Amino acid sequence: MNTTIKDLKERRSIHKYKPEQITEEELNTVLEVGTYAPNGRGLQSPLIVAVQDKAIIAKLSVINANILGQSGFEPFYGAPTVIIVLADKNRPTYIEDGSLVLGNLMNAAHAIGLGSCWIHRAKEEFESDAGKALLREWGIGDNYIGIGHCTLGYIAGDLPKAKLRKDGYVIKIK
């Protein structure tokens, strides 16, 4: 089977990571692939923020868990790297563009042996006062909306098995 097809079929969301940080080379590979995601009219509306600072990840975790209504929950599953995808709301396809970046990040991670998971609530996170303060601190304008997070790290345990695909998933009209 073509390795790309194999990787796309075998990638899974990872909820348990080893504590050690990924290498700079691994991070750069995943980030570069993220920048090659398809985007509407080639406008490249997304912005990728890679966070490996434990204090910032902890701050993001608290904001995210509070939005979820589960104070004390660790929404990033202990991942040592959290990538935030934002997108320029002034572009007509910003949500789709950012979503495709997240897909590329996760597939690239799997292809090089890393675990990943899409974590929601980035929109609400960066609409909050604390989130807006972080964006200002990072020099990011208020035209950027949170699309999602991608956790990255080495998988602790076994790769989860795929669920069976539902009946009727595909409809062919010829």
C-alpha atoms as a PDB file:
ATOM      1  CA  MET A   1       0.000   0.000   0.000  1.00  0.00           C
ATOM      2  CA  ASN A   2       1.265   3.508  -0.757  1.00  0.00           C
ATOM      3  CA  THR A   3       2.797   4.907   2.454  1.00  0.00           C
ATOM      4  CA  THR A   4       0.736   8.109   2.279  1.00  0.00           C
ATOM      5  CA  ILE A   5      -2.518   6.148   2.063  1.00  0.00           C
ATOM      6  CA  LYS A   6      -1.343   3.841   4.845  1.00  0.00           C
ATOM      7  CA  ASP A   7      -0.482   6.797   7.114  1.00  0.00           C
ATOM      8  CA  LEU A   8      -3.829   8.486   6.437  1.00  0.00           C
ATOM      9  CA  LYS A   9      -5.709   5.298   7.327  1.00  0.00           C
ATOM     10  CA  GLU A  10      -3.664   4.501  10.444  1.00  0.00           C
ATOM     11  CA  ARG A  11      -3.446   7.921  12.151  1.00  0.00           C
ATOM     12  CA  ARG A  12      -5.336   8.087  15.444  1.00  0.00           C
ATOM     13  CA  SER A  13      -6.021  10.710  18.094  1.00  0.00           C
ATOM     14  CA  ILE A  14      -3.592  10.238  20.970  1.00  0.00           C
ATOM     15  CA  HIS A  15      -4.634  10.930  24.557  1.00  0.00           C
ATOM     16  CA  LYS A  16      -1.477   9.849  26.398  1.00  0.00           C
ATOM     17  CA  TYR A  17       2.014  11.201  25.766  1.00  0.00           C
ATOM     18  CA  LYS A  18       5.498  10.572  27.109  1.00  0.00           C
ATOM     19  CA  PRO A  19       6.859  13.611  28.970  1.00  0.00           C
ATOM     20  CA  GLU A  20       9.983  14.101  26.833  1.00  0.00           C
ATOM     21  CA  GLN A  21       9.942  16.891  24.278  1.00  0.00           C
ATOM     22  CA  ILE A  22       9.979  16.136  20.557  1.00  0.00           C
ATOM     23  CA  THR A  23      13.087  17.117  18.605  1.00  0.00           C
ATOM     24  CA  GLU A  24      13.455  20.437  16.830  1.00  0.00           C
ATOM     25  CA  GLU A  25      13.744  18.555  13.536  1.00  0.00           C
ATOM     26  CA  GLU A  26      10.456  16.721  14.169  1.00  0.00           C
ATOM     27  CA  LEU A  27       8.715  19.961  15.128  1.00  0.00           C
ATOM     28  CA  ASN A  28      10.023  21.780  12.059  1.00  0.00           C
ATOM     29  CA  THR A  29       8.953  18.949   9.758  1.00  0.00           C
ATOM     30  CA  VAL A  30       5.398  18.969  11.108  1.00  0.00           C
ATOM     31  CA  LEU A  31       5.182  22.774  10.979  1.00  0.00           C
ATOM     32  CA  GLU A  32       6.472  22.917   7.413  1.00  0.00           C
ATOM     33  CA  VAL A  33       3.904  20.370   6.246  1.00  0.00           C
ATOM     34  CA  GLY A  34       1.217  22.457   7.964  1.00  0.00           C
ATOM     35  CA  THR A  35       2.152  25.433   5.802  1.00  0.00           C
ATOM     36  CA  TYR A  36       1.491  23.385   2.666  1.00  0.00           C
ATOM     37  CA  ALA A  37      -2.172  22.710   3.455  1.00  0.00           C
ATOM     38  CA  PRO A  38      -4.619  23.724   0.739  1.00  0.00           C
ATOM     39  CA  ASN A  39      -6.199  27.128   1.270  1.00  0.00           C
ATOM     40  CA  GLY A  40      -8.844  29.212  -0.431  1.00  0.00           C
ATOM     41  CA  ARG A  41      -7.572  31.249  -3.359  1.00  0.00           C
ATOM     42  CA  GLY A  42      -3.998  30.815  -2.096  1.00  0.00           C
ATOM     43  CA  LEU A  43      -4.576  33.554   0.498  1.00  0.00           C
ATOM     44  CA  GLN A  44      -2.892  31.574   3.304  1.00  0.00           C
ATOM     45  CA  SER A  45      -5.194  32.863   6.046  1.00  0.00           C
ATOM     46  CA  PRO A  46      -3.877  30.557   8.822  1.00  0.00           C
ATOM     47  CA  LEU A  47      -1.179  31.323  11.353  1.00  0.00           C
ATOM     48  CA  ILE A  48       0.554  28.531  13.247  1.00  0.00           C
ATOM     49  CA  VAL A  49       1.839  29.081  16.806  1.00  0.00           C
ATOM     50  CA  ALA A  50       3.996  26.285  18.246  1.00  0.00           C
ATOM     51  CA  VAL A  51       4.130  26.277  22.050  1.00  0.00           C
ATOM     52  CA  GLN A  52       6.626  24.220  24.035  1.00  0.00           C
ATOM     53  CA  ASP A  53       6.829  26.498  27.077  1.00  0.00           C
ATOM     54  CA  LYS A  54       5.307  24.505  29.957  1.00  0.00           C
ATOM     55  CA  ALA A  55       3.943  27.610  31.702  1.00  0.00           C
ATOM     56  CA  ILE A  56       2.122  28.796  28.564  1.00  0.00           C
ATOM     57  CA  ILE A  57       0.743  25.298  27.916  1.00  0.00           C
ATOM     58  CA  ALA A  58      -0.485  25.199  31.529  1.00  0.00           C
ATOM     59  CA  LYS A  59      -2.164  28.601  31.099  1.00  0.00           C
ATOM     60  CA  LEU A  60      -3.839  27.484  27.853  1.00  0.00           C
ATOM     61  CA  SER A  61      -4.920  24.258  29.557  1.00  0.00           C
ATOM     62  CA  VAL A  62      -6.680  26.135  32.374  1.00  0.00           C
ATOM     63  CA  ILE A  63      -8.470  28.463  29.947  1.00  0.00           C
ATOM     64  CA  ASN A  64      -9.514  25.534  27.749  1.00  0.00           C
ATOM     65  CA  ALA A  65     -10.708  23.370  30.650  1.00  0.00           C
ATOM     66  CA  ASN A  66     -12.740  26.249  32.088  1.00  0.00           C
ATOM     67  CA  ILE A  67     -14.465  26.758  28.728  1.00  0.00           C
ATOM     68  CA  LEU A  68     -15.276  23.052  28.747  1.00  0.00           C
ATOM     69  CA  GLY A  69     -16.680  23.487  32.258  1.00  0.00           C
ATOM     70  CA  GLN A  70     -14.244  20.972  33.729  1.00  0.00           C
ATOM     71  CA  SER A  71     -11.874  22.883  35.971  1.00  0.00           C
ATOM     72  CA  GLY A  72      -8.807  20.750  36.700  1.00  0.00           C
ATOM     73  CA  PHE A  73      -9.150  18.694  33.500  1.00  0.00           C
ATOM     74  CA  GLU A  74      -6.002  18.481  31.331  1.00  0.00           C
ATOM     75  CA  PRO A  75      -7.351  18.967  27.792  1.00  0.00           C
ATOM     76  CA  PHE A  76      -3.936  18.588  26.136  1.00  0.00           C
ATOM     77  CA  TYR A  77      -3.366  15.107  27.633  1.00  0.00           C
ATOM     78  CA  GLY A  78       0.121  15.966  28.869  1.00  0.00           C
ATOM     79  CA  ALA A  79       1.517  16.633  25.387  1.00  0.00           C
ATOM     80  CA  PRO A  80       4.849  18.485  25.545  1.00  0.00           C
ATOM     81  CA  THR A  81       4.026  20.520  22.419  1.00  0.00           C
ATOM     82  CA  VAL A  82       0.776  22.293  21.614  1.00  0.00           C
ATOM     83  CA  ILE A  83       0.346  23.888  18.217  1.00  0.00           C
ATOM     84  CA  ILE A  84      -2.333  26.531  17.897  1.00  0.00           C
ATOM     85  CA  VAL A  85      -3.882  27.235  14.512  1.00  0.00           C
ATOM     86  CA  LEU A  86      -5.441  30.644  14.101  1.00  0.00           C
ATOM     87  CA  ALA A  87      -6.828  32.129  10.906  1.00  0.00           C
ATOM     88  CA  ASP A  88      -7.564  35.602   9.580  1.00  0.00           C
ATOM     89  CA  LYS A  89     -11.326  36.084   9.890  1.00  0.00           C
ATOM     90  CA  ASN A  90     -11.219  38.573   7.009  1.00  0.00           C
ATOM     91  CA  ARG A  91     -10.589  35.747   4.533  1.00  0.00           C
ATOM     92  CA  PRO A  92     -13.731  33.990   3.257  1.00  0.00           C
ATOM     93  CA  THR A  93     -12.387  30.459   3.793  1.00  0.00           C
ATOM     94  CA  TYR A  94     -10.548  30.973   7.091  1.00  0.00           C
ATOM     95  CA  ILE A  95     -12.292  28.141   8.984  1.00  0.00           C
ATOM     96  CA  GLU A  96     -11.709  25.618   6.209  1.00  0.00           C
ATOM     97  CA  ASP A  97      -8.124  26.827   5.689  1.00  0.00           C
ATOM     98  CA  GLY A  98      -7.272  26.420   9.367  1.00  0.00           C
ATOM     99  CA  SER A  99      -8.973  23.027   9.508  1.00  0.00           C
ATOM    100  CA  LEU A 100      -6.893  21.787   6.592  1.00  0.00           C
ATOM    101  CA  VAL A 101      -3.720  22.991   8.340  1.00  0.00           C
ATOM    102  CA  LEU A 102      -4.696  20.974  11.417  1.00  0.00           C
ATOM    103  CA  GLY A 103      -5.257  17.898   9.256  1.00  0.00           C
ATOM    104  CA  ASN A 104      -1.848  18.293   7.651  1.00  0.00           C
ATOM    105  CA  LEU A 105      -0.178  18.724  11.049  1.00  0.00           C
ATOM    106  CA  MET A 106      -1.738  15.545  12.423  1.00  0.00           C
ATOM    107  CA  ASN A 107      -0.987  13.474   9.326  1.00  0.00           C
ATOM    108  CA  ALA A 108       2.608  14.713   9.188  1.00  0.00           C
ATOM    109  CA  ALA A 109       3.053  13.882  12.870  1.00  0.00           C
ATOM    110  CA  HIS A 110       1.863  10.327  12.328  1.00  0.00           C
ATOM    111  CA  ALA A 111       4.067   9.910   9.250  1.00  0.00           C
ATOM    112  CA  ILE A 112       7.199  10.636  11.308  1.00  0.00           C
ATOM    113  CA  GLY A 113       6.176   8.580  14.342  1.00  0.00           C
ATOM    114  CA  LEU A 114       4.613  11.212  16.596  1.00  0.00           C
ATOM    115  CA  GLY A 115       1.229  11.203  18.241  1.00  0.00           C
ATOM    116  CA  SER A 116      -1.233  14.044  17.808  1.00  0.00           C
ATOM    117  CA  CYS A 117      -4.773  15.090  18.584  1.00  0.00           C
ATOM    118  CA  TRP A 118      -7.048  17.941  17.503  1.00  0.00           C
ATOM    119  CA  ILE A 119      -8.266  19.789  20.602  1.00  0.00           C
ATOM    120  CA  HIS A 120     -11.283  22.094  20.274  1.00  0.00           C
ATOM    121  CA  ARG A 121     -12.255  25.334  22.004  1.00  0.00           C
ATOM    122  CA  ALA A 122      -9.488  27.492  20.456  1.00  0.00           C
ATOM    123  CA  LYS A 123     -12.121  29.943  19.188  1.00  0.00           C
ATOM    124  CA  GLU A 124     -13.535  30.517  22.661  1.00  0.00           C
ATOM    125  CA  GLU A 125     -10.079  30.388  24.212  1.00  0.00           C
ATOM    126  CA  PHE A 126      -8.780  33.298  22.125  1.00  0.00           C
ATOM    127  CA  GLU A 127     -12.012  35.258  22.441  1.00  0.00           C
ATOM    128  CA  SER A 128     -11.513  35.298  26.218  1.00  0.00           C
ATOM    129  CA  ASP A 129      -9.678  38.169  27.903  1.00  0.00           C
ATOM    130  CA  ALA A 130      -6.795  35.854  28.850  1.00  0.00           C
ATOM    131  CA  GLY A 131      -6.570  34.509  25.305  1.00  0.00           C
ATOM    132  CA  LYS A 132      -6.665  37.995  23.778  1.00  0.00           C
ATOM    133  CA  ALA A 133      -3.860  39.012  26.146  1.00  0.00           C
ATOM    134  CA  LEU A 134      -1.735  36.107  24.900  1.00  0.00           C
ATOM    135  CA  LEU A 135      -2.336  37.076  21.279  1.00  0.00           C
ATOM    136  CA  ARG A 136      -1.282  40.664  22.042  1.00  0.00           C
ATOM    137  CA  GLU A 137       1.808  39.358  23.874  1.00  0.00           C
ATOM    138  CA  TRP A 138       2.703  37.304  20.797  1.00  0.00           C
ATOM    139  CA  GLY A 139       2.129  40.250  18.436  1.00  0.00           C
ATOM    140  CA  ILE A 140      -0.903  38.710  16.757  1.00  0.00           C
ATOM    141  CA  GLY A 141      -3.678  41.020  15.582  1.00  0.00           C
ATOM    142  CA  ASP A 142      -7.289  40.779  16.682  1.00  0.00           C
ATOM    143  CA  ASN A 143      -8.326  39.704  13.186  1.00  0.00           C
ATOM    144  CA  TYR A 144      -7.156  36.168  14.029  1.00  0.00           C
ATOM    145  CA  ILE A 145      -9.651  33.580  15.294  1.00  0.00           C
ATOM    146  CA  GLY A 146      -8.718  30.310  17.024  1.00  0.00           C
ATOM    147  CA  ILE A 147      -9.455  27.291  14.833  1.00  0.00           C
ATOM    148  CA  GLY A 148      -7.988  24.470  16.926  1.00  0.00           C
ATOM    149  CA  HIS A 149      -5.000  23.024  18.740  1.00  0.00           C
ATOM    150  CA  CYS A 150      -2.828  20.109  17.692  1.00  0.00           C
ATOM    151  CA  THR A 151      -1.087  18.289  20.507  1.00  0.00           C
ATOM    152  CA  LEU A 152       2.222  16.633  19.612  1.00  0.00           C
ATOM    153  CA  GLY A 153       4.440  14.167  21.395  1.00  0.00           C
ATOM    154  CA  TYR A 154       5.728  10.641  21.635  1.00  0.00           C
ATOM    155  CA  ILE A 155       2.941   8.127  22.174  1.00  0.00           C
ATOM    156  CA  ALA A 156       2.781   6.519  25.624  1.00  0.00           C
ATOM    157  CA  GLY A 157       1.335   3.054  25.093  1.00  0.00           C
ATOM    158  CA  ASP A 158      -0.062   1.476  21.979  1.00  0.00           C
ATOM    159  CA  LEU A 159      -1.598   3.215  18.999  1.00  0.00           C
ATOM    160  CA  PRO A 160      -5.385   2.957  19.389  1.00  0.00           C
ATOM    161  CA  LYS A 161      -7.213   0.702  16.944  1.00  0.00           C
ATOM    162  CA  ALA A 162      -9.529   2.205  14.360  1.00  0.00           C
ATOM    163  CA  LYS A 163     -13.258   2.000  14.917  1.00  0.00           C
ATOM    164  CA  LEU A 164     -15.200   0.217  12.222  1.00  0.00           C
ATOM    165  CA  ARG A 165     -16.401   2.596   9.539  1.00  0.00           C
ATOM    166  CA  LYS A 166     -20.151   3.151   9.678  1.00  0.00           C
ATOM    167  CA  ASP A 167     -22.471   1.680   7.071  1.00  0.00           C
ATOM    168  CA  GLY A 168     -23.569   4.194   4.493  1.00  0.00           C
ATOM    169  CA  TYR A 169     -20.518   6.427   5.047  1.00  0.00           C
ATOM    170  CA  VAL A 170     -20.125   6.832   1.276  1.00  0.00           C
ATOM    171  CA  ILE A 171     -22.889   7.373  -1.245  1.00  0.00           C
ATOM    172  CA  LYS A 172     -22.002   7.014  -4.909  1.00  0.00           C
ATOM    173  CA  ILE A 173     -24.135   8.677  -7.516  1.00  0.00           C
ATOM    174  CA  LYS A 174     -23.193   7.737 -11.080  1.00  0.00           C
END
